[in-house]
Amino acid sequence: MDNLTKEQKRKLAKQLVELSKTLDAFANKPDVPGDAASNLRAAASKLRNQADQLTDEAMMLAMDEIDKSLASIVEATDGMAKAVAKINKVTSYADYAEKVVLLAGAIMTGNAATIASTVAGILGSLREDGVI
């Protein structure tokens, strides 16, 4: 499953969890014999463990994508720090504060494309302002 994307891993993990819930539900039916119920519960537990593993792998892929974006994030935050040091208008402070909030929000999504887009927008704005 190494060739799956993080989105595919998340989706598969969700499906495994749903399947494990179904197995647990069958195991809890009164007409299911004890051995069969135990086997169903064991299978459900294995599915949940696999779902956990897929979720962990998806998170690691997301973190790898964020790590790759880190240099751009550092450049953008350094540029914003320089901009704040140079500006003297209240409106400019508000503009750069908004950019900091946008960057933080993008980072919190864990979505590399969102982070990259936000960083590119911030860097473009900083370049236009002559800060970097």
Protein backbone atom coordinates (compact mmCIF):
# COMPACT_ATOMS: atom_id res chain seq x y z
CA MET A 1 0.00 0.00 0.00
CA ASP A 2 3.04 2.22 -0.23
CA ASN A 3 1.94 3.52 -3.63
CA LEU A 4 -1.34 4.99 -2.31
CA THR A 5 -1.73 8.74 -1.88
CA LYS A 6 -2.56 10.19 1.51
CA GLU A 7 -6.13 10.82 0.37
CA GLN A 8 -6.50 7.21 -0.75
CA LYS A 9 -5.07 5.97 2.55
CA ARG A 10 -7.47 8.16 4.54
CA LYS A 11 -10.43 6.97 2.48
CA LEU A 12 -9.43 3.31 2.81
CA ALA A 13 -8.92 3.74 6.57
CA LYS A 14 -12.42 5.19 6.89
CA GLN A 15 -13.87 2.28 4.92
CA LEU A 16 -12.03 -0.23 7.13
CA VAL A 17 -13.42 1.42 10.26
CA GLU A 18 -16.95 1.27 8.83
CA LEU A 19 -16.47 -2.39 7.95
CA SER A 20 -15.19 -3.13 11.46
CA LYS A 21 -18.32 -1.52 12.90
CA THR A 22 -20.45 -3.77 10.70
CA LEU A 23 -18.55 -6.86 11.87
CA ASP A 24 -18.96 -5.80 15.50
CA ALA A 25 -22.68 -5.32 14.94
CA PHE A 26 -23.02 -8.84 13.52
CA ALA A 27 -20.95 -10.24 16.38
CA ASN A 28 -23.38 -8.71 18.87
CA LYS A 29 -26.49 -10.30 17.35
CA PRO A 30 -28.04 -12.85 19.69
CA ASP A 31 -28.25 -15.59 17.07
CA VAL A 32 -24.49 -15.57 16.31
CA PRO A 33 -22.72 -18.48 18.06
CA GLY A 34 -19.94 -17.65 20.54
CA ASP A 35 -17.02 -18.80 18.35
CA ALA A 36 -18.34 -16.95 15.31
CA ALA A 37 -18.90 -13.81 17.40
CA SER A 38 -15.34 -14.02 18.72
CA ASN A 39 -13.96 -14.44 15.19
CA LEU A 40 -15.99 -11.46 13.97
CA ARG A 41 -14.73 -9.30 16.84
CA ALA A 42 -11.13 -10.38 16.14
CA ALA A 43 -11.54 -9.53 12.46
CA ALA A 44 -13.06 -6.15 13.38
CA SER A 45 -10.12 -5.45 15.66
CA LYS A 46 -7.63 -6.28 12.89
CA LEU A 47 -9.47 -3.95 10.53
CA ARG A 48 -9.32 -1.12 13.08
CA ASN A 49 -5.58 -1.74 13.51
CA GLN A 50 -5.08 -1.60 9.75
CA ALA A 51 -7.13 1.60 9.60
CA ASP A 52 -4.94 3.11 12.32
CA GLN A 53 -1.82 2.15 10.37
CA LEU A 54 -3.18 3.70 7.17
CA THR A 55 -4.13 6.86 9.02
CA ASP A 56 -0.62 7.08 10.49
CA GLU A 57 0.89 6.61 7.02
CA ALA A 58 -1.38 9.30 5.58
CA MET A 59 -0.32 11.70 8.32
CA MET A 60 3.34 10.93 7.65
CA LEU A 61 2.83 11.69 3.95
CA ALA A 62 1.18 14.97 4.87
CA MET A 63 4.07 15.83 7.18
CA ASP A 64 6.57 15.02 4.41
CA GLU A 65 4.71 17.41 2.11
CA ILE A 66 4.78 20.09 4.78
CA ASP A 67 8.50 19.53 5.39
CA LYS A 68 9.12 20.06 1.68
CA SER A 69 7.26 23.37 1.93
CA LEU A 70 9.13 24.47 5.04
CA ALA A 71 11.79 26.50 3.22
CA SER A 72 9.09 28.51 1.47
CA ILE A 73 7.22 28.96 4.73
CA VAL A 74 10.39 30.23 6.42
CA GLU A 75 11.03 32.64 3.53
CA ALA A 76 7.47 33.96 3.76
CA THR A 77 7.57 34.44 7.54
CA ASP A 78 11.02 36.07 7.36
CA GLY A 79 9.69 38.40 4.67
CA MET A 80 6.69 39.29 6.80
CA ALA A 81 8.95 39.99 9.77
CA LYS A 82 11.05 42.32 7.60
CA ALA A 83 7.90 43.98 6.29
CA VAL A 84 6.61 44.62 9.81
CA ALA A 85 9.97 46.18 10.73
CA LYS A 86 9.78 48.52 7.71
CA ILE A 87 6.18 49.60 7.73
CA ASN A 88 4.73 52.50 9.63
CA LYS A 89 1.10 52.55 8.56
CA VAL A 90 -1.66 50.93 10.59
CA THR A 91 -3.27 49.60 7.40
CA SER A 92 -0.01 47.92 6.42
CA TYR A 93 0.19 46.24 9.82
CA ALA A 94 -3.34 44.95 9.33
CA ASP A 95 -2.49 43.64 5.85
CA TYR A 96 0.55 41.75 7.10
CA ALA A 97 -1.28 40.47 10.17
CA GLU A 98 -3.92 39.07 7.82
CA LYS A 99 -1.19 37.35 5.80
CA VAL A 100 0.22 35.76 8.97
CA VAL A 101 -3.26 34.45 9.83
CA LEU A 102 -3.69 33.11 6.28
CA LEU A 103 -0.34 31.32 6.47
CA ALA A 104 -1.14 29.80 9.86
CA GLY A 105 -4.51 28.64 8.58
CA ALA A 106 -2.92 27.06 5.52
CA ILE A 107 -0.35 25.25 7.66
CA MET A 108 -3.10 23.94 9.94
CA THR A 109 -4.91 22.33 6.98
CA GLY A 110 -1.94 20.05 6.38
CA ASN A 111 -2.69 20.37 2.67
CA ALA A 112 0.55 20.95 0.76
CA ALA A 113 -1.22 22.58 -2.19
CA THR A 114 -3.00 25.07 0.09
CA ILE A 115 0.24 25.86 1.90
CA ALA A 116 2.16 26.31 -1.34
CA SER A 117 -0.53 28.55 -2.81
CA THR A 118 -0.68 30.71 0.31
CA VAL A 119 3.11 30.99 0.51
CA ALA A 120 3.31 31.91 -3.18
CA GLY A 121 0.69 34.62 -2.68
CA ILE A 122 2.46 36.04 0.35
CA LEU A 123 5.87 36.01 -1.36
CA GLY A 124 4.39 37.73 -4.40
CA SER A 125 2.86 40.41 -2.20
CA LEU A 126 6.12 40.92 -0.31
CA ARG A 127 8.02 41.23 -3.58
CA GLU A 128 5.48 43.77 -4.87
CA ASP A 129 5.96 45.78 -1.68
CA GLY A 130 9.75 45.65 -2.13
CA VAL A 131 10.28 43.90 1.17
CA ILE A 132 12.11 40.92 -0.30
